[in-house]
């Protein structure tokens, strides 16, 4: 599998990530306590609530003590790993992969795959797969009402659940990584198109040194049938400019002797 090199600016937006974590934490709290006090299911709800409380503390730290608007690639990995471990422990307390909410174990790695670098993504995928395997064999009983008969699941159905989770994890991450790469390429291309500082602010004695790397000012419009692009290339003639289209990518090069 080949991944193309793109921008090295890998990060998560702090406000978006914090809001998503609050939604998850509140959802976990409501679910755990509804199962206990409304449906009267038996499980270790005190320990489950303590795990949720720890997740809330980590989000408060992120909100008040992480003084950046963007979460770096490494910090994102640390917090997402905490999310995977926290959710894995909640699932351990409530039936493992038999718990219908085990599908949410895929979310941290899929969420990050379009924003973080490939090594971080692969590591998060690996941690998630280990968690799924662990929860397949080691877990507390699925919560159920007292004295009610528990349905026994045949082995070939049971082991199909973690297998399906792993397949979905790999597919969704590949899909998100591909979209993320394409999005970063488009953003990088647009940033380069509108980076006019070097072209218009270059000093006369450094003009030729800057010429090889400048990006001219451009204007792009479109209608139903075509795109129209105008590029400012002062002092250059048609013969000095080369226009190429390869794999749906337009490249404009210029050289002045």
Protein backbone atom coordinates (compact mmCIF):
# COMPACT_ATOMS: atom_id res chain seq x y z
CA UNK A 1 0.00 0.00 0.00
CA UNK A 2 1.53 3.28 -1.07
CA UNK A 3 0.80 6.54 0.69
CA UNK A 4 1.86 9.77 -0.96
CA UNK A 5 3.77 12.44 0.89
CA UNK A 6 1.66 15.44 1.82
CA UNK A 7 1.74 18.30 4.30
CA UNK A 8 3.51 17.59 7.59
CA UNK A 9 0.92 19.63 9.54
CA UNK A 10 -0.81 16.79 11.36
CA UNK A 11 -3.06 17.75 14.25
CA UNK A 12 -6.57 17.60 15.71
CA UNK A 13 -8.68 20.71 16.24
CA UNK A 14 -8.93 21.09 20.01
CA UNK A 15 -12.50 22.45 20.22
CA UNK A 16 -13.93 19.79 17.91
CA UNK A 17 -12.18 16.96 19.74
CA UNK A 18 -13.24 18.22 23.18
CA UNK A 19 -16.88 18.54 22.10
CA UNK A 20 -16.88 15.02 20.67
CA UNK A 21 -15.39 13.67 23.88
CA UNK A 22 -18.08 15.40 25.97
CA UNK A 23 -20.76 13.81 23.80
CA UNK A 24 -19.14 10.39 24.33
CA UNK A 25 -18.69 10.87 28.09
CA UNK A 26 -22.27 12.07 28.63
CA UNK A 27 -23.57 9.23 26.45
CA UNK A 28 -21.58 6.68 28.46
CA UNK A 29 -22.84 8.09 31.76
CA UNK A 30 -26.50 8.03 30.66
CA UNK A 31 -26.23 4.53 29.20
CA UNK A 32 -24.47 2.97 32.20
CA UNK A 33 -26.88 4.40 34.74
CA UNK A 34 -29.98 3.77 32.62
CA UNK A 35 -29.04 0.10 32.31
CA UNK A 36 -28.56 -0.10 36.08
CA UNK A 37 -31.40 1.98 37.52
CA UNK A 38 -34.08 1.81 34.83
CA UNK A 39 -33.65 -1.73 33.50
CA UNK A 40 -32.20 -3.14 36.76
CA UNK A 41 -29.35 -4.97 35.01
CA UNK A 42 -26.60 -6.37 37.22
CA UNK A 43 -22.98 -5.32 36.60
CA UNK A 44 -20.25 -3.31 38.33
CA UNK A 45 -21.77 0.11 37.63
CA UNK A 46 -19.73 1.89 40.34
CA UNK A 47 -16.45 0.99 38.69
CA UNK A 48 -17.92 1.85 35.28
CA UNK A 49 -18.90 5.31 36.54
CA UNK A 50 -15.41 5.79 37.98
CA UNK A 51 -13.87 5.02 34.57
CA UNK A 52 -16.21 7.57 32.98
CA UNK A 53 -15.19 10.11 35.66
CA UNK A 54 -11.52 9.62 34.74
CA UNK A 55 -12.39 10.29 31.11
CA UNK A 56 -14.13 13.52 32.14
CA UNK A 57 -11.04 14.58 34.12
CA UNK A 58 -8.81 14.06 31.09
CA UNK A 59 -11.16 16.21 29.02
CA UNK A 60 -11.09 18.97 31.64
CA UNK A 61 -7.30 18.87 31.53
CA UNK A 62 -7.43 19.20 27.76
CA UNK A 63 -9.91 22.08 28.04
CA UNK A 64 -8.19 24.18 30.71
CA UNK A 65 -4.52 23.20 30.78
CA UNK A 66 -3.65 22.38 27.15
CA UNK A 67 -3.01 25.92 25.98
CA UNK A 68 -3.11 25.41 22.22
CA UNK A 69 -5.92 25.55 19.68
CA UNK A 70 -4.53 22.54 17.85
CA UNK A 71 -3.56 19.25 19.45
CA UNK A 72 -0.21 18.01 18.15
CA UNK A 73 0.20 14.65 16.49
CA UNK A 74 1.87 13.09 19.57
CA UNK A 75 -0.60 14.58 22.07
CA UNK A 76 -3.48 13.45 19.87
CA UNK A 77 -2.10 9.92 19.93
CA UNK A 78 -1.90 9.99 23.73
CA UNK A 79 -5.47 11.21 24.22
CA UNK A 80 -6.92 8.87 21.58
CA UNK A 81 -5.11 5.95 23.21
CA UNK A 82 -6.73 6.94 26.51
CA UNK A 83 -10.11 6.94 24.75
CA UNK A 84 -9.55 3.43 23.39
CA UNK A 85 -8.40 2.08 26.76
CA UNK A 86 -11.26 3.76 28.64
CA UNK A 87 -13.92 2.39 26.29
CA UNK A 88 -12.26 -1.04 26.28
CA UNK A 89 -12.47 -1.18 30.07
CA UNK A 90 -16.14 -0.20 30.02
CA UNK A 91 -16.77 -2.98 27.52
CA UNK A 92 -14.76 -5.40 29.68
CA UNK A 93 -17.15 -4.65 32.55
CA UNK A 94 -20.23 -5.16 30.39
CA UNK A 95 -19.91 -8.22 28.15
CA UNK A 96 -16.88 -7.58 25.92
CA UNK A 97 -17.55 -7.78 22.17
CA UNK A 98 -21.07 -9.10 22.86
CA UNK A 99 -21.95 -5.64 24.11
CA UNK A 100 -23.71 -3.85 21.19
CA UNK A 101 -21.75 -0.70 21.99
CA UNK A 102 -18.47 -2.44 21.06
CA UNK A 103 -18.84 -0.87 17.59
CA UNK A 104 -17.87 2.46 19.19
CA UNK A 105 -14.40 1.06 19.80
CA UNK A 106 -13.65 1.84 16.14
CA UNK A 107 -14.36 5.56 16.45
CA UNK A 108 -11.07 6.94 17.92
CA UNK A 109 -8.81 5.50 15.21
CA UNK A 110 -11.24 6.29 12.37
CA UNK A 111 -11.70 9.85 13.67
CA UNK A 112 -7.96 10.43 13.73
CA UNK A 113 -7.05 8.74 10.45
CA UNK A 114 -7.83 11.75 8.26
CA UNK A 115 -5.88 14.19 10.45
CA UNK A 116 -2.82 12.41 11.87
CA UNK A 117 0.24 10.88 10.21
CA UNK A 118 0.28 7.33 8.91
CA UNK A 119 2.49 5.92 11.70
CA UNK A 120 0.14 7.26 14.37
CA UNK A 121 -2.88 5.90 12.50
CA UNK A 122 -1.38 2.43 12.17
CA UNK A 123 -0.43 2.38 15.85
CA UNK A 124 -3.96 3.33 16.89
CA UNK A 125 -5.38 0.65 14.59
CA UNK A 126 -3.03 -1.90 16.18
CA UNK A 127 -4.10 -0.87 19.71
CA UNK A 128 -7.75 -1.14 18.71
CA UNK A 129 -7.25 -4.62 17.23
CA UNK A 130 -5.49 -5.76 20.44
CA UNK A 131 -8.41 -4.41 22.46
CA UNK A 132 -10.93 -6.30 20.30
CA UNK A 133 -8.96 -9.54 20.66
CA UNK A 134 -8.64 -9.04 24.43
CA UNK A 135 -12.38 -8.36 24.80
CA UNK A 136 -13.16 -11.48 22.77
CA UNK A 137 -11.64 -13.77 25.40
CA UNK A 138 -11.55 -11.76 28.63
CA UNK A 139 -14.63 -9.91 29.92
CA UNK A 140 -17.26 -9.78 32.64
CA UNK A 141 -20.70 -11.26 31.93
CA UNK A 142 -23.05 -9.30 29.72
CA UNK A 143 -25.37 -7.26 31.99
CA UNK A 144 -28.75 -8.94 32.48
CA UNK A 145 -31.69 -8.82 34.89
CA UNK A 146 -31.43 -10.96 38.02
CA UNK A 147 -32.62 -14.58 37.62
CA UNK A 148 -33.26 -14.21 33.89
CA UNK A 149 -32.01 -16.88 31.49
CA UNK A 150 -28.92 -15.84 29.50
CA UNK A 151 -28.93 -16.65 25.79
CA UNK A 152 -25.91 -18.71 24.72
CA UNK A 153 -24.31 -17.74 21.40
CA UNK A 154 -22.72 -20.45 19.25
CA UNK A 155 -18.97 -20.14 18.77
CA UNK A 156 -19.06 -19.49 15.02
CA UNK A 157 -21.47 -16.61 15.56
CA UNK A 158 -19.53 -15.32 18.54
CA UNK A 159 -16.13 -15.20 16.80
CA UNK A 160 -17.71 -13.59 13.76
CA UNK A 161 -18.32 -10.46 15.87
CA UNK A 162 -14.63 -9.52 16.51
CA UNK A 163 -13.75 -10.54 12.96
CA UNK A 164 -16.40 -8.19 11.59
CA UNK A 165 -15.17 -5.41 13.88
CA UNK A 166 -11.57 -5.80 12.68
CA UNK A 167 -12.60 -5.86 9.00
CA UNK A 168 -14.73 -2.74 9.49
CA UNK A 169 -11.85 -1.06 11.36
CA UNK A 170 -9.36 -1.66 8.53
CA UNK A 171 -11.79 -0.66 5.78
CA UNK A 172 -13.01 2.54 7.47
CA UNK A 173 -9.48 3.64 8.34
CA UNK A 174 -8.23 3.05 4.81
CA UNK A 175 -11.18 5.04 3.46
CA UNK A 176 -10.61 7.91 5.93
CA UNK A 177 -6.82 7.96 5.37
CA UNK A 178 -7.35 8.20 1.60
CA UNK A 179 -9.83 11.05 1.96
CA UNK A 180 -7.57 12.81 4.44
CA UNK A 181 -4.59 12.58 2.10
CA UNK A 182 -6.58 14.00 -0.79
CA UNK A 183 -7.93 16.80 1.40
CA UNK A 184 -4.42 17.77 2.55
CA UNK A 185 -3.17 17.75 -1.05
CA UNK A 186 -5.95 20.12 -2.09
CA UNK A 187 -5.31 22.39 0.88
CA UNK A 188 -1.58 22.43 0.19
CA UNK A 189 -2.17 23.22 -3.48
CA UNK A 190 -4.51 26.10 -2.62
CA UNK A 191 -2.07 27.46 -0.04
CA UNK A 192 0.67 27.46 -2.67
CA UNK A 193 -1.56 29.14 -5.24
CA UNK A 194 -2.29 32.07 -2.99
CA UNK A 195 1.19 32.41 -1.45
CA UNK A 196 2.11 35.66 -3.22
CA UNK A 197 4.40 37.18 -0.60
CA UNK A 198 7.64 35.88 -2.08
CA UNK A 199 6.66 36.94 -5.60
CA UNK A 200 5.67 40.53 -4.89
CA UNK A 201 7.89 41.28 -1.88
CA UNK A 202 11.19 39.90 -3.18
CA UNK A 203 14.02 42.44 -3.16
CA UNK A 204 15.60 43.33 -6.55
CA UNK A 205 18.96 41.85 -5.63
CA UNK A 206 17.28 38.56 -4.66
CA UNK A 207 14.84 38.40 -7.59
CA UNK A 208 16.56 35.59 -9.41
CA UNK A 209 17.18 33.62 -6.21
CA UNK A 210 13.46 33.79 -5.45
CA UNK A 211 12.33 33.09 -9.01
CA UNK A 212 12.82 29.34 -8.86
CA UNK A 213 10.44 28.90 -5.94
CA UNK A 214 7.85 31.69 -6.28
CA UNK A 215 4.16 31.09 -6.84
CA UNK A 216 2.44 33.80 -8.91
CA UNK A 217 -0.86 35.42 -8.03
CA UNK A 218 -3.77 33.57 -9.65
CA UNK A 219 -7.47 34.05 -10.15
CA UNK A 220 -9.70 30.99 -10.64
CA UNK A 221 -13.35 31.03 -11.72
CA UNK A 222 -15.63 28.24 -12.87
CA UNK A 223 -18.97 27.61 -14.55
CA UNK A 224 -20.91 24.52 -15.57
CA UNK A 225 -18.49 23.60 -18.36
CA UNK A 226 -14.96 24.65 -17.42
CA UNK A 227 -12.52 26.34 -15.04
CA UNK A 228 -10.90 29.66 -16.00
CA UNK A 229 -7.48 30.41 -14.50
CA UNK A 230 -5.48 33.62 -14.81
CA UNK A 231 -1.90 33.79 -13.50
CA UNK A 232 0.21 36.94 -13.09
CA UNK A 233 3.60 36.31 -14.74
CA UNK A 234 5.17 39.76 -15.21
CA UNK A 235 7.99 39.99 -17.72
CA UNK A 236 7.35 36.55 -19.21
CA UNK A 237 6.14 35.61 -22.68
CA UNK A 238 4.08 32.63 -23.87
CA UNK A 239 7.19 30.73 -24.88
CA UNK A 240 8.55 31.01 -21.32
CA UNK A 241 5.55 29.18 -19.83
CA UNK A 242 4.84 25.44 -19.92
CA UNK A 243 1.36 24.08 -19.08
CA UNK A 244 0.83 20.38 -18.38
CA UNK A 245 -2.09 18.21 -17.26
CA UNK A 246 -1.27 14.80 -15.78
CA UNK A 247 -3.66 12.58 -13.79
CA UNK A 248 -6.15 15.47 -13.53
CA UNK A 249 -3.46 17.74 -12.03
CA UNK A 250 -2.72 21.05 -13.76
CA UNK A 251 0.91 22.19 -13.57
CA UNK A 252 2.08 25.63 -14.76
CA UNK A 253 5.84 26.18 -14.98
CA UNK A 254 7.72 29.22 -16.09
CA UNK A 255 11.35 30.01 -16.79
CA UNK A 256 12.96 33.26 -17.84
CA UNK A 257 16.51 33.38 -19.10
